[in-house]
Amino acid sequence: MDTRSAETSHIVSGRSSRFAAMQMSLGNLISMLLPPLPLLWFGGSMLVYALHRHHPNPRVGHYTQRAAYLFYAVMGAVIPIGTFFPGRGITSWLIAWGVGLAVIIPASLWSIARIRAEEWPDIDLSSANVVTEESPS
């Protein structure tokens, strides 16, 4: 096997990092606007979490993790408690949705405001020390 050092450079813009940090909070905010959306966002949020938790900018992962913990805590409480809601009425589910709104909306807005207030510098991801392998000729 032939190994060579390849030097490449990739820039992650601060604007892109800021948007990545806001995606989980924005998803939480949007999903809570209609009662069935949180269930769909529950699956979609796992993808967003997996994509952004180990972002090159560690603050993106931090904000993503905080927003995820908030959403999963609310959903993790509503779903098991909802098992014991009486009857077939939707009143109990609407109350649970209202409680979710009261918790997630202010926290998401606060998180988005904090993210927008911070300075997000560009990150240079130079891979001068990355070794690539080539198949023998």
C-alpha atoms as a PDB file:
ATOM      1  CA  MET A   1       0.000   0.000   0.000  1.00  0.00           C
ATOM      2  CA  ASP A   2       1.214   3.424  -0.906  1.00  0.00           C
ATOM      3  CA  THR A   3       0.482   6.196   1.576  1.00  0.00           C
ATOM      4  CA  ARG A   4       0.791   9.890   0.844  1.00  0.00           C
ATOM      5  CA  SER A   5       0.002  12.960   2.837  1.00  0.00           C
ATOM      6  CA  ALA A   6      -2.682  15.053   1.194  1.00  0.00           C
ATOM      7  CA  GLU A   7      -3.094  18.675   2.133  1.00  0.00           C
ATOM      8  CA  THR A   8      -6.552  20.069   1.669  1.00  0.00           C
ATOM      9  CA  SER A   9      -8.375  22.949   3.251  1.00  0.00           C
ATOM     10  CA  HIS A  10     -12.052  23.372   3.934  1.00  0.00           C
ATOM     11  CA  ILE A  11     -13.668  26.389   5.575  1.00  0.00           C
ATOM     12  CA  VAL A  12     -16.827  26.085   7.667  1.00  0.00           C
ATOM     13  CA  SER A  13     -18.398  29.526   7.660  1.00  0.00           C
ATOM     14  CA  GLY A  14     -19.615  31.100  10.856  1.00  0.00           C
ATOM     15  CA  ARG A  15     -22.985  31.680   9.223  1.00  0.00           C
ATOM     16  CA  SER A  16     -23.324  27.963   8.486  1.00  0.00           C
ATOM     17  CA  SER A  17     -22.293  27.068  12.044  1.00  0.00           C
ATOM     18  CA  ARG A  18     -24.844  29.490  13.487  1.00  0.00           C
ATOM     19  CA  PHE A  19     -27.647  28.030  11.339  1.00  0.00           C
ATOM     20  CA  ALA A  20     -26.627  24.480  12.275  1.00  0.00           C
ATOM     21  CA  ALA A  21     -26.771  25.455  15.955  1.00  0.00           C
ATOM     22  CA  MET A  22     -30.290  26.847  15.502  1.00  0.00           C
ATOM     23  CA  GLN A  23     -31.757  23.919  13.541  1.00  0.00           C
ATOM     24  CA  MET A  24     -32.771  21.775  16.507  1.00  0.00           C
ATOM     25  CA  SER A  25     -34.389  24.721  18.308  1.00  0.00           C
ATOM     26  CA  LEU A  26     -36.148  25.826  15.124  1.00  0.00           C
ATOM     27  CA  GLY A  27     -37.429  22.288  14.593  1.00  0.00           C
ATOM     28  CA  ASN A  28     -38.694  22.167  18.170  1.00  0.00           C
ATOM     29  CA  LEU A  29     -40.421  25.510  17.721  1.00  0.00           C
ATOM     30  CA  ILE A  30     -42.080  24.608  14.417  1.00  0.00           C
ATOM     31  CA  SER A  31     -43.077  21.118  15.532  1.00  0.00           C
ATOM     32  CA  MET A  32     -44.993  22.432  18.521  1.00  0.00           C
ATOM     33  CA  LEU A  33     -47.235  24.649  16.381  1.00  0.00           C
ATOM     34  CA  LEU A  34     -49.546  21.776  15.362  1.00  0.00           C
ATOM     35  CA  PRO A  35     -50.384  18.836  17.648  1.00  0.00           C
ATOM     36  CA  PRO A  36     -49.367  15.965  15.291  1.00  0.00           C
ATOM     37  CA  LEU A  37     -46.015  17.504  14.303  1.00  0.00           C
ATOM     38  CA  PRO A  38     -44.093  16.647  17.488  1.00  0.00           C
ATOM     39  CA  LEU A  39     -44.483  12.955  16.704  1.00  0.00           C
ATOM     40  CA  LEU A  40     -43.021  13.471  13.218  1.00  0.00           C
ATOM     41  CA  TRP A  41     -40.291  15.743  14.543  1.00  0.00           C
ATOM     42  CA  PHE A  42     -39.371  13.078  17.092  1.00  0.00           C
ATOM     43  CA  GLY A  43     -37.924  11.012  14.232  1.00  0.00           C
ATOM     44  CA  GLY A  44     -36.539  13.951  12.252  1.00  0.00           C
ATOM     45  CA  SER A  45     -34.836  15.389  15.303  1.00  0.00           C
ATOM     46  CA  MET A  46     -32.750  12.245  15.656  1.00  0.00           C
ATOM     47  CA  LEU A  47     -31.293  12.888  12.219  1.00  0.00           C
ATOM     48  CA  VAL A  48     -30.575  16.543  13.016  1.00  0.00           C
ATOM     49  CA  TYR A  49     -29.000  15.523  16.325  1.00  0.00           C
ATOM     50  CA  ALA A  50     -26.785  12.920  14.644  1.00  0.00           C
ATOM     51  CA  LEU A  51     -25.674  15.404  11.991  1.00  0.00           C
ATOM     52  CA  HIS A  52     -24.870  18.294  14.308  1.00  0.00           C
ATOM     53  CA  ARG A  53     -23.799  16.810  17.638  1.00  0.00           C
ATOM     54  CA  HIS A  54     -20.207  16.328  16.452  1.00  0.00           C
ATOM     55  CA  HIS A  55     -19.961  19.435  14.290  1.00  0.00           C
ATOM     56  CA  PRO A  56     -16.435  20.909  13.919  1.00  0.00           C
ATOM     57  CA  ASN A  57     -17.572  23.865  16.013  1.00  0.00           C
ATOM     58  CA  PRO A  58     -18.223  22.438  19.503  1.00  0.00           C
ATOM     59  CA  ARG A  59     -20.787  25.154  20.305  1.00  0.00           C
ATOM     60  CA  VAL A  60     -23.042  23.746  17.557  1.00  0.00           C
ATOM     61  CA  GLY A  61     -23.010  20.394  19.346  1.00  0.00           C
ATOM     62  CA  HIS A  62     -23.675  22.084  22.675  1.00  0.00           C
ATOM     63  CA  TYR A  63     -26.754  23.975  21.458  1.00  0.00           C
ATOM     64  CA  THR A  64     -28.004  20.928  19.559  1.00  0.00           C
ATOM     65  CA  GLN A  65     -27.673  18.759  22.646  1.00  0.00           C
ATOM     66  CA  ARG A  66     -29.471  21.256  24.892  1.00  0.00           C
ATOM     67  CA  ALA A  67     -32.397  21.579  22.466  1.00  0.00           C
ATOM     68  CA  ALA A  68     -32.569  17.808  22.040  1.00  0.00           C
ATOM     69  CA  TYR A  69     -32.600  17.163  25.786  1.00  0.00           C
ATOM     70  CA  LEU A  70     -35.440  19.642  26.201  1.00  0.00           C
ATOM     71  CA  PHE A  71     -37.555  18.119  23.430  1.00  0.00           C
ATOM     72  CA  TYR A  72     -36.870  14.515  24.453  1.00  0.00           C
ATOM     73  CA  ALA A  73     -37.654  15.310  28.094  1.00  0.00           C
ATOM     74  CA  VAL A  74     -41.048  16.775  27.193  1.00  0.00           C
ATOM     75  CA  MET A  75     -41.884  13.974  24.763  1.00  0.00           C
ATOM     76  CA  GLY A  76     -40.502  11.384  27.178  1.00  0.00           C
ATOM     77  CA  ALA A  77     -42.893  12.638  29.829  1.00  0.00           C
ATOM     78  CA  VAL A  78     -45.977  13.124  27.633  1.00  0.00           C
ATOM     79  CA  ILE A  79     -45.967   9.738  25.919  1.00  0.00           C
ATOM     80  CA  PRO A  80     -45.859   7.486  29.020  1.00  0.00           C
ATOM     81  CA  ILE A  81     -48.193   9.748  30.994  1.00  0.00           C
ATOM     82  CA  GLY A  82     -50.566   9.812  28.008  1.00  0.00           C
ATOM     83  CA  THR A  83     -50.958   6.066  28.335  1.00  0.00           C
ATOM     84  CA  PHE A  84     -53.042   6.698  31.441  1.00  0.00           C
ATOM     85  CA  PHE A  85     -55.221   9.488  30.032  1.00  0.00           C
ATOM     86  CA  PRO A  86     -58.864   8.595  30.707  1.00  0.00           C
ATOM     87  CA  GLY A  87     -61.349   7.796  27.958  1.00  0.00           C
ATOM     88  CA  ARG A  88     -61.136   8.556  24.286  1.00  0.00           C
ATOM     89  CA  GLY A  89     -61.374  12.334  24.513  1.00  0.00           C
ATOM     90  CA  ILE A  90     -58.689  14.624  23.242  1.00  0.00           C
ATOM     91  CA  THR A  91     -58.898  17.084  26.124  1.00  0.00           C
ATOM     92  CA  SER A  92     -56.061  15.432  28.042  1.00  0.00           C
ATOM     93  CA  TRP A  93     -53.875  15.346  24.916  1.00  0.00           C
ATOM     94  CA  LEU A  94     -54.553  19.031  24.224  1.00  0.00           C
ATOM     95  CA  ILE A  95     -53.587  19.872  27.797  1.00  0.00           C
ATOM     96  CA  ALA A  96     -50.354  17.888  27.389  1.00  0.00           C
ATOM     97  CA  TRP A  97     -49.689  19.724  24.117  1.00  0.00           C
ATOM     98  CA  GLY A  98     -50.295  23.051  25.908  1.00  0.00           C
ATOM     99  CA  VAL A  99     -47.813  22.109  28.622  1.00  0.00           C
ATOM    100  CA  GLY A 100     -45.307  21.172  25.917  1.00  0.00           C
ATOM    101  CA  LEU A 101     -45.892  24.551  24.282  1.00  0.00           C
ATOM    102  CA  ALA A 102     -45.367  26.331  27.591  1.00  0.00           C
ATOM    103  CA  VAL A 103     -42.027  24.577  28.091  1.00  0.00           C
ATOM    104  CA  ILE A 104     -40.551  24.327  24.593  1.00  0.00           C
ATOM    105  CA  ILE A 105     -41.565  27.640  22.965  1.00  0.00           C
ATOM    106  CA  PRO A 106     -39.917  30.013  25.491  1.00  0.00           C
ATOM    107  CA  ALA A 107     -36.830  27.819  25.846  1.00  0.00           C
ATOM    108  CA  SER A 108     -36.392  27.546  22.065  1.00  0.00           C
ATOM    109  CA  LEU A 109     -36.859  31.286  21.540  1.00  0.00           C
ATOM    110  CA  TRP A 110     -34.328  32.009  24.287  1.00  0.00           C
ATOM    111  CA  SER A 111     -31.846  29.559  22.757  1.00  0.00           C
ATOM    112  CA  ILE A 112     -32.256  31.048  19.268  1.00  0.00           C
ATOM    113  CA  ALA A 113     -31.750  34.555  20.687  1.00  0.00           C
ATOM    114  CA  ARG A 114     -28.549  33.426  22.440  1.00  0.00           C
ATOM    115  CA  ILE A 115     -27.247  31.755  19.285  1.00  0.00           C
ATOM    116  CA  ARG A 116     -27.932  34.850  17.183  1.00  0.00           C
ATOM    117  CA  ALA A 117     -26.264  37.121  19.759  1.00  0.00           C
ATOM    118  CA  GLU A 118     -22.992  35.163  19.762  1.00  0.00           C
ATOM    119  CA  GLU A 119     -20.165  35.719  17.332  1.00  0.00           C
ATOM    120  CA  TRP A 120     -19.580  32.726  15.036  1.00  0.00           C
ATOM    121  CA  PRO A 121     -16.132  32.848  13.408  1.00  0.00           C
ATOM    122  CA  ASP A 122     -15.196  30.804  10.356  1.00  0.00           C
ATOM    123  CA  ILE A 123     -13.380  27.535  11.072  1.00  0.00           C
ATOM    124  CA  ASP A 124     -10.517  26.310   8.906  1.00  0.00           C
ATOM    125  CA  LEU A 125     -10.433  22.539   8.675  1.00  0.00           C
ATOM    126  CA  SER A 126      -7.034  21.933   7.183  1.00  0.00           C
ATOM    127  CA  SER A 127      -6.202  18.265   6.924  1.00  0.00           C
ATOM    128  CA  ALA A 128      -2.442  18.443   6.450  1.00  0.00           C
ATOM    129  CA  ASN A 129      -1.931  15.420   8.667  1.00  0.00           C
ATOM    130  CA  VAL A 130      -4.503  13.173   7.035  1.00  0.00           C
ATOM    131  CA  VAL A 131      -2.942  10.142   5.401  1.00  0.00           C
ATOM    132  CA  THR A 132      -4.705   8.694   2.391  1.00  0.00           C
ATOM    133  CA  GLU A 133      -4.289   5.140   1.115  1.00  0.00           C
ATOM    134  CA  GLU A 134      -4.044   4.194  -2.520  1.00  0.00           C
ATOM    135  CA  SER A 135      -4.432   0.776  -3.989  1.00  0.00           C
ATOM    136  CA  PRO A 136      -1.282  -0.660  -5.597  1.00  0.00           C
ATOM    137  CA  SER A 137      -0.956  -0.111  -9.344  1.00  0.00           C
END
